[in-house]
Amino acid sequence: NKKENRVYKLSINKDLFENILLKKTLILEKVSTNYWKKELLEPTLKDDKLIYEIKQFKKIILTNGLGEDKPQLVIECLKVDYSIEKNVFELHLGKILEQKNILKEVEDEKDILIKQLLNEKQELMNVLDEIKKSGIFNK
């Protein structure tokens, strides 16, 4: 199953785009419609039988919205798989290789998360100091 050098382009909604950017979503699912079968399946002959292999891509370009200034991610595609249980194609996403026109809001969400984690760390440090001061472990 060779990886195609072709870069696959996909337009997705804002929430999904942000979740991928924030690494909350690592697998992009596409329902197995005729459209996606045509897009992602490669008919090949093997021992005189027609079989369908799933196309593999090295990179995927994800965009949100239209126009020249639309947010865009170039992301590594680790593999394209098919889930029989869910009847979906699964695009396993790797590292984000490039970001274009990313809105400030998304960075703010990351910053908020970092602030929360730093605050939690400070609270834990305070609790540890209190425990040390109490001398409970010196007995």
N, C-alpha and C. Protein backbone atom coordinates (compact mmCIF):
# COMPACT_ATOMS: atom_id res chain seq x y z
N ASN A 1 0.84 -1.20 0.00
CA ASN A 1 0.00 0.00 0.00
C ASN A 1 0.88 1.25 0.00
N LYS A 2 1.25 1.69 -1.17
CA LYS A 2 2.18 2.83 -1.24
C LYS A 2 1.49 4.15 -0.88
N LYS A 3 2.25 5.02 -0.26
CA LYS A 3 1.72 6.34 0.09
C LYS A 3 1.84 7.24 -1.12
N GLU A 4 0.76 7.92 -1.44
CA GLU A 4 0.80 8.85 -2.56
C GLU A 4 1.44 10.15 -2.12
N ASN A 5 2.22 10.73 -3.02
CA ASN A 5 2.81 12.02 -2.73
C ASN A 5 1.80 13.14 -2.89
N ARG A 6 0.67 12.79 -3.53
CA ARG A 6 -0.41 13.75 -3.72
C ARG A 6 -0.89 14.23 -2.35
N VAL A 7 -1.09 15.53 -2.24
CA VAL A 7 -1.60 16.10 -1.00
C VAL A 7 -3.11 16.16 -1.11
N TYR A 8 -3.80 15.67 -0.10
CA TYR A 8 -5.25 15.63 -0.14
C TYR A 8 -5.82 16.88 0.52
N LYS A 9 -6.79 17.52 -0.14
CA LYS A 9 -7.39 18.75 0.38
C LYS A 9 -8.80 18.48 0.87
N LEU A 10 -9.13 19.06 2.02
CA LEU A 10 -10.42 18.81 2.63
C LEU A 10 -10.91 20.07 3.34
N SER A 11 -12.16 20.41 3.14
CA SER A 11 -12.75 21.56 3.85
C SER A 11 -13.59 21.01 5.00
N ILE A 12 -13.38 21.55 6.20
CA ILE A 12 -14.10 21.07 7.38
C ILE A 12 -14.69 22.25 8.15
N ASN A 13 -15.62 21.94 9.07
CA ASN A 13 -16.25 23.02 9.83
C ASN A 13 -15.32 23.58 10.91
N LYS A 14 -15.70 24.74 11.43
CA LYS A 14 -14.85 25.50 12.37
C LYS A 14 -14.53 24.71 13.65
N ASP A 15 -15.55 24.06 14.23
CA ASP A 15 -15.33 23.31 15.48
C ASP A 15 -14.32 22.19 15.28
N LEU A 16 -14.52 21.43 14.21
CA LEU A 16 -13.62 20.32 13.92
C LEU A 16 -12.21 20.85 13.65
N PHE A 17 -12.13 21.94 12.91
CA PHE A 17 -10.84 22.56 12.59
C PHE A 17 -10.10 22.92 13.88
N GLU A 18 -10.82 23.57 14.82
CA GLU A 18 -10.19 23.98 16.08
C GLU A 18 -9.80 22.78 16.92
N ASN A 19 -10.66 21.74 16.93
CA ASN A 19 -10.34 20.54 17.71
C ASN A 19 -9.10 19.83 17.17
N ILE A 20 -8.92 19.86 15.86
CA ILE A 20 -7.72 19.26 15.25
C ILE A 20 -6.50 20.11 15.61
N LEU A 21 -6.67 21.42 15.53
CA LEU A 21 -5.59 22.34 15.86
C LEU A 21 -5.15 22.16 17.31
N LEU A 22 -6.11 21.95 18.20
CA LEU A 22 -5.82 21.80 19.63
C LEU A 22 -5.50 20.34 20.00
N LYS A 23 -5.41 19.48 18.98
CA LYS A 23 -5.10 18.07 19.19
C LYS A 23 -6.16 17.33 20.01
N LYS A 24 -7.40 17.83 19.99
CA LYS A 24 -8.49 17.13 20.67
C LYS A 24 -9.03 16.04 19.75
N THR A 25 -8.90 16.26 18.44
CA THR A 25 -9.34 15.27 17.45
C THR A 25 -8.11 14.77 16.71
N LEU A 26 -7.88 13.45 16.77
CA LEU A 26 -6.70 12.87 16.12
C LEU A 26 -7.08 11.99 14.94
N ILE A 27 -8.38 11.67 14.84
CA ILE A 27 -8.85 10.86 13.71
C ILE A 27 -10.03 11.58 13.08
N LEU A 28 -9.89 11.85 11.80
CA LEU A 28 -10.94 12.50 11.03
C LEU A 28 -11.79 11.39 10.42
N GLU A 29 -13.10 11.37 10.74
CA GLU A 29 -13.97 10.31 10.23
C GLU A 29 -14.82 10.82 9.08
N LYS A 30 -14.93 10.01 8.03
CA LYS A 30 -15.77 10.33 6.89
C LYS A 30 -16.69 9.14 6.64
N VAL A 31 -18.02 9.38 6.69
CA VAL A 31 -18.99 8.31 6.47
C VAL A 31 -18.78 7.73 5.07
N SER A 32 -18.87 6.41 5.00
CA SER A 32 -18.60 5.69 3.75
C SER A 32 -19.71 5.87 2.73
N THR A 33 -19.81 7.07 2.17
CA THR A 33 -20.78 7.34 1.11
C THR A 33 -20.14 6.99 -0.22
N ASN A 34 -20.93 6.98 -1.29
CA ASN A 34 -20.38 6.72 -2.62
C ASN A 34 -19.26 7.71 -2.94
N TYR A 35 -19.48 8.98 -2.52
CA TYR A 35 -18.46 10.01 -2.78
C TYR A 35 -17.12 9.62 -2.14
N TRP A 36 -17.13 9.25 -0.87
CA TRP A 36 -15.87 8.93 -0.18
C TRP A 36 -15.26 7.63 -0.67
N LYS A 37 -16.11 6.67 -1.08
CA LYS A 37 -15.58 5.43 -1.65
C LYS A 37 -14.82 5.75 -2.93
N LYS A 38 -15.41 6.65 -3.76
CA LYS A 38 -14.77 7.03 -5.01
C LYS A 38 -13.45 7.78 -4.73
N GLU A 39 -13.48 8.64 -3.70
CA GLU A 39 -12.31 9.44 -3.35
C GLU A 39 -11.17 8.61 -2.76
N LEU A 40 -11.53 7.65 -1.90
CA LEU A 40 -10.51 6.99 -1.07
C LEU A 40 -10.20 5.55 -1.45
N LEU A 41 -10.97 4.97 -2.34
CA LEU A 41 -10.69 3.58 -2.74
C LEU A 41 -10.06 3.54 -4.13
N GLU A 42 -9.06 2.69 -4.26
CA GLU A 42 -8.31 2.53 -5.51
C GLU A 42 -8.57 1.12 -6.03
N PRO A 43 -9.31 0.98 -7.15
CA PRO A 43 -9.53 -0.37 -7.68
C PRO A 43 -8.24 -0.91 -8.31
N THR A 44 -7.85 -2.11 -7.93
CA THR A 44 -6.65 -2.74 -8.52
C THR A 44 -6.94 -4.21 -8.81
N LEU A 45 -6.25 -4.73 -9.81
CA LEU A 45 -6.37 -6.15 -10.15
C LEU A 45 -5.31 -6.94 -9.41
N LYS A 46 -5.76 -7.99 -8.72
CA LYS A 46 -4.82 -8.87 -8.02
C LYS A 46 -5.28 -10.30 -8.29
N ASP A 47 -4.44 -11.10 -8.90
CA ASP A 47 -4.78 -12.48 -9.29
C ASP A 47 -6.11 -12.52 -10.05
N ASP A 48 -6.25 -11.64 -11.04
CA ASP A 48 -7.46 -11.56 -11.87
C ASP A 48 -8.72 -11.19 -11.09
N LYS A 49 -8.56 -10.70 -9.87
CA LYS A 49 -9.72 -10.26 -9.09
C LYS A 49 -9.62 -8.76 -8.89
N LEU A 50 -10.76 -8.11 -8.93
CA LEU A 50 -10.79 -6.67 -8.68
C LEU A 50 -10.89 -6.45 -7.17
N ILE A 51 -9.87 -5.81 -6.62
CA ILE A 51 -9.93 -5.49 -5.19
C ILE A 51 -9.77 -3.98 -5.02
N TYR A 52 -10.24 -3.51 -3.90
CA TYR A 52 -10.16 -2.08 -3.61
C TYR A 52 -9.18 -1.83 -2.47
N GLU A 53 -8.19 -1.04 -2.76
CA GLU A 53 -7.24 -0.66 -1.72
C GLU A 53 -7.55 0.77 -1.29
N ILE A 54 -7.29 1.06 -0.02
CA ILE A 54 -7.52 2.41 0.48
C ILE A 54 -6.31 3.26 0.11
N LYS A 55 -6.58 4.40 -0.54
CA LYS A 55 -5.49 5.30 -0.90
C LYS A 55 -4.85 5.86 0.36
N GLN A 56 -3.54 5.99 0.32
CA GLN A 56 -2.80 6.55 1.46
C GLN A 56 -2.17 7.87 1.04
N PHE A 57 -2.18 8.83 1.94
CA PHE A 57 -1.61 10.15 1.67
C PHE A 57 -0.59 10.50 2.73
N LYS A 58 0.45 11.23 2.33
CA LYS A 58 1.45 11.69 3.31
C LYS A 58 0.96 12.91 4.06
N LYS A 59 0.22 13.76 3.35
CA LYS A 59 -0.23 15.03 3.94
C LYS A 59 -1.66 15.31 3.55
N ILE A 60 -2.33 16.06 4.44
CA ILE A 60 -3.69 16.53 4.15
C ILE A 60 -3.70 18.02 4.42
N ILE A 61 -4.34 18.76 3.52
CA ILE A 61 -4.55 20.19 3.77
C ILE A 61 -5.99 20.34 4.23
N LEU A 62 -6.16 20.88 5.43
CA LEU A 62 -7.49 21.10 5.98
C LEU A 62 -7.78 22.59 5.95
N THR A 63 -8.92 22.96 5.39
CA THR A 63 -9.28 24.37 5.37
C THR A 63 -10.64 24.54 6.03
N ASN A 64 -10.91 25.76 6.45
CA ASN A 64 -12.21 26.09 7.02
C ASN A 64 -12.70 27.37 6.35
N GLY A 65 -13.83 27.25 5.67
CA GLY A 65 -14.41 28.42 5.02
C GLY A 65 -13.88 28.61 3.60
N LEU A 66 -14.19 29.78 3.05
CA LEU A 66 -13.82 30.08 1.67
C LEU A 66 -12.96 31.32 1.62
N GLY A 67 -12.43 31.62 0.46
CA GLY A 67 -11.65 32.85 0.29
C GLY A 67 -10.17 32.62 0.51
N GLU A 68 -9.39 33.62 0.12
CA GLU A 68 -7.93 33.52 0.18
C GLU A 68 -7.40 33.46 1.62
N ASP A 69 -8.13 34.11 2.54
CA ASP A 69 -7.62 34.21 3.91
C ASP A 69 -8.22 33.15 4.84
N LYS A 70 -8.76 32.08 4.25
CA LYS A 70 -9.36 31.04 5.09
C LYS A 70 -8.27 30.33 5.92
N PRO A 71 -8.61 29.95 7.17
CA PRO A 71 -7.65 29.21 7.99
C PRO A 71 -7.29 27.89 7.31
N GLN A 72 -6.03 27.52 7.42
CA GLN A 72 -5.56 26.31 6.75
C GLN A 72 -4.50 25.60 7.59
N LEU A 73 -4.58 24.28 7.61
CA LEU A 73 -3.57 23.45 8.28
C LEU A 73 -3.03 22.46 7.26
N VAL A 74 -1.72 22.29 7.25
CA VAL A 74 -1.13 21.18 6.50
C VAL A 74 -0.73 20.20 7.59
N ILE A 75 -1.29 19.00 7.51
CA ILE A 75 -1.11 18.04 8.60
C ILE A 75 -0.66 16.70 8.04
N GLU A 76 0.19 16.04 8.78
CA GLU A 76 0.70 14.73 8.39
C GLU A 76 -0.44 13.72 8.46
N CYS A 77 -0.53 12.84 7.48
CA CYS A 77 -1.54 11.77 7.51
C CYS A 77 -0.80 10.45 7.77
N LEU A 78 -1.00 9.89 8.95
CA LEU A 78 -0.29 8.66 9.33
C LEU A 78 -0.82 7.47 8.56
N LYS A 79 -2.16 7.38 8.45
CA LYS A 79 -2.77 6.32 7.62
C LYS A 79 -4.23 6.61 7.40
N VAL A 80 -4.75 6.02 6.34
CA VAL A 80 -6.18 6.08 6.06
C VAL A 80 -6.68 4.65 6.23
N ASP A 81 -7.70 4.50 7.06
CA ASP A 81 -8.21 3.19 7.43
C ASP A 81 -9.71 3.14 7.23
N TYR A 82 -10.29 1.98 7.41
CA TYR A 82 -11.74 1.85 7.31
C TYR A 82 -12.25 1.09 8.53
N SER A 83 -13.27 1.62 9.19
CA SER A 83 -13.87 0.95 10.34
C SER A 83 -15.18 0.31 9.90
N ILE A 84 -15.23 -1.02 9.94
CA ILE A 84 -16.43 -1.75 9.53
C ILE A 84 -17.57 -1.48 10.52
N GLU A 85 -17.25 -1.47 11.82
CA GLU A 85 -18.27 -1.26 12.86
C GLU A 85 -18.99 0.08 12.65
N LYS A 86 -18.19 1.14 12.41
CA LYS A 86 -18.78 2.48 12.30
C LYS A 86 -19.16 2.84 10.87
N ASN A 87 -18.70 2.03 9.88
CA ASN A 87 -18.92 2.32 8.47
C ASN A 87 -18.36 3.70 8.09
N VAL A 88 -17.14 3.97 8.56
CA VAL A 88 -16.48 5.24 8.25
C VAL A 88 -15.04 5.01 7.82
N PHE A 89 -14.56 5.93 6.99
CA PHE A 89 -13.14 5.99 6.69
C PHE A 89 -12.50 6.81 7.81
N GLU A 90 -11.34 6.39 8.26
CA GLU A 90 -10.64 7.09 9.33
C GLU A 90 -9.32 7.62 8.81
N LEU A 91 -9.16 8.93 8.88
CA LEU A 91 -7.90 9.55 8.49
C LEU A 91 -7.14 9.87 9.77
N HIS A 92 -6.07 9.13 10.02
CA HIS A 92 -5.29 9.29 11.26
C HIS A 92 -4.32 10.46 11.07
N LEU A 93 -4.47 11.46 11.92
CA LEU A 93 -3.70 12.69 11.78
C LEU A 93 -2.45 12.67 12.64
N GLY A 94 -1.37 13.18 12.07
CA GLY A 94 -0.09 13.26 12.79
C GLY A 94 0.23 14.70 13.17
N LYS A 95 1.50 15.06 12.94
CA LYS A 95 1.97 16.40 13.29
C LYS A 95 1.36 17.46 12.38
N ILE A 96 1.16 18.64 12.96
CA ILE A 96 0.76 19.79 12.14
C ILE A 96 2.04 20.35 11.54
N LEU A 97 2.11 20.38 10.21
CA LEU A 97 3.34 20.78 9.53
C LEU A 97 3.35 22.27 9.21
N GLU A 98 2.14 22.83 9.02
CA GLU A 98 2.05 24.25 8.63
C GLU A 98 0.71 24.81 9.07
N GLN A 99 0.69 26.08 9.46
CA GLN A 99 -0.55 26.76 9.81
C GLN A 99 -0.62 28.06 9.02
N LYS A 100 -1.79 28.34 8.47
CA LYS A 100 -1.97 29.61 7.76
C LYS A 100 -3.27 30.25 8.19
N ASN A 101 -3.25 31.57 8.36
CA ASN A 101 -4.46 32.35 8.68
C ASN A 101 -5.21 31.80 9.89
N ILE A 102 -4.47 31.36 10.89
CA ILE A 102 -5.10 30.84 12.10
C ILE A 102 -5.55 32.02 12.95
N LEU A 103 -6.81 31.95 13.37
CA LEU A 103 -7.38 33.05 14.15
C LEU A 103 -6.79 33.08 15.55
N LYS A 104 -6.75 34.26 16.13
CA LYS A 104 -6.20 34.46 17.47
C LYS A 104 -6.98 33.65 18.51
N GLU A 105 -8.30 33.50 18.31
CA GLU A 105 -9.16 32.79 19.28
C GLU A 105 -8.58 31.44 19.68
N VAL A 106 -8.08 30.71 18.70
CA VAL A 106 -7.61 29.36 18.97
C VAL A 106 -6.39 29.40 19.89
N GLU A 107 -5.48 30.35 19.63
CA GLU A 107 -4.33 30.50 20.50
C GLU A 107 -4.78 30.89 21.90
N ASP A 108 -5.82 31.73 22.00
CA ASP A 108 -6.32 32.14 23.31
C ASP A 108 -6.75 30.92 24.12
N GLU A 109 -7.41 29.98 23.44
CA GLU A 109 -7.87 28.78 24.14
C GLU A 109 -6.68 28.01 24.71
N LYS A 110 -5.61 27.92 23.92
CA LYS A 110 -4.39 27.25 24.41
C LYS A 110 -3.81 28.01 25.60
N ASP A 111 -3.76 29.36 25.46
CA ASP A 111 -3.21 30.18 26.53
C ASP A 111 -4.01 30.01 27.82
N ILE A 112 -5.34 29.96 27.69
CA ILE A 112 -6.20 29.77 28.87
C ILE A 112 -5.86 28.45 29.54
N LEU A 113 -5.70 27.41 28.73
CA LEU A 113 -5.37 26.09 29.24
C LEU A 113 -4.04 26.12 29.99
N ILE A 114 -3.06 26.79 29.41
CA ILE A 114 -1.73 26.90 30.04
C ILE A 114 -1.84 27.64 31.37
N LYS A 115 -2.60 28.74 31.37
CA LYS A 115 -2.80 29.51 32.62
C LYS A 115 -3.45 28.63 33.69
N GLN A 116 -4.48 27.86 33.28
CA GLN A 116 -5.17 26.99 34.24
C GLN A 116 -4.18 25.97 34.82
N LEU A 117 -3.36 25.38 33.96
CA LEU A 117 -2.40 24.38 34.43
C LEU A 117 -1.37 25.01 35.37
N LEU A 118 -0.91 26.22 35.04
CA LEU A 118 0.05 26.91 35.91
C LEU A 118 -0.58 27.24 37.26
N ASN A 119 -1.86 27.66 37.24
CA ASN A 119 -2.57 27.94 38.49
C ASN A 119 -2.71 26.68 39.34
N GLU A 120 -3.06 25.56 38.68
CA GLU A 120 -3.20 24.29 39.40
C GLU A 120 -1.86 23.88 40.00
N LYS A 121 -0.80 24.08 39.25
CA LYS A 121 0.54 23.74 39.74
C LYS A 121 0.85 24.58 40.99
N GLN A 122 0.53 25.89 40.92
CA GLN A 122 0.79 26.78 42.05
C GLN A 122 -0.01 26.34 43.28
N GLU A 123 -1.27 25.95 43.05
CA GLU A 123 -2.11 25.47 44.16
C GLU A 123 -1.49 24.23 44.80
N LEU A 124 -1.01 23.32 43.97
CA LEU A 124 -0.37 22.10 44.50
C LEU A 124 0.88 22.44 45.29
N MET A 125 1.67 23.39 44.79
CA MET A 125 2.88 23.82 45.50
C MET A 125 2.50 24.40 46.87
N ASN A 126 1.42 25.20 46.91
CA ASN A 126 0.94 25.77 48.17
C ASN A 126 0.53 24.68 49.15
N VAL A 127 -0.21 23.69 48.65
CA VAL A 127 -0.65 22.58 49.50
C VAL A 127 0.56 21.84 50.05
N LEU A 128 1.55 21.59 49.19
CA LEU A 128 2.77 20.90 49.64
C LEU A 128 3.48 21.72 50.72
N ASP A 129 3.55 23.03 50.53
CA ASP A 129 4.18 23.91 51.53
C ASP A 129 3.45 23.80 52.86
N GLU A 130 2.10 23.82 52.80
CA GLU A 130 1.28 23.71 54.02
C GLU A 130 1.59 22.40 54.73
N ILE A 131 1.66 21.32 53.96
CA ILE A 131 1.95 19.99 54.55
C ILE A 131 3.33 20.01 55.20
N LYS A 132 4.32 20.59 54.51
CA LYS A 132 5.67 20.67 55.08
C LYS A 132 5.68 21.47 56.37
N LYS A 133 4.98 22.62 56.36
CA LYS A 133 4.92 23.50 57.54
C LYS A 133 4.24 22.80 58.72
N SER A 134 3.23 21.99 58.40
CA SER A 134 2.47 21.34 59.48
C SER A 134 3.32 20.32 60.23
N GLY A 135 4.41 19.88 59.60
CA GLY A 135 5.32 18.93 60.25
C GLY A 135 4.73 17.56 60.42
N ILE A 136 3.66 17.28 59.73
CA ILE A 136 2.98 15.98 59.87
C ILE A 136 3.89 14.79 59.56
N PHE A 137 4.86 15.01 58.65
CA PHE A 137 5.74 13.91 58.27
C PHE A 137 7.03 13.87 59.09
N ASN A 138 7.19 14.81 60.01
CA ASN A 138 8.42 14.85 60.82
C ASN A 138 8.30 14.01 62.07
N LYS A 139 7.12 13.41 62.28
CA LYS A 139 6.92 12.64 63.54
C LYS A 139 7.46 11.24 63.43
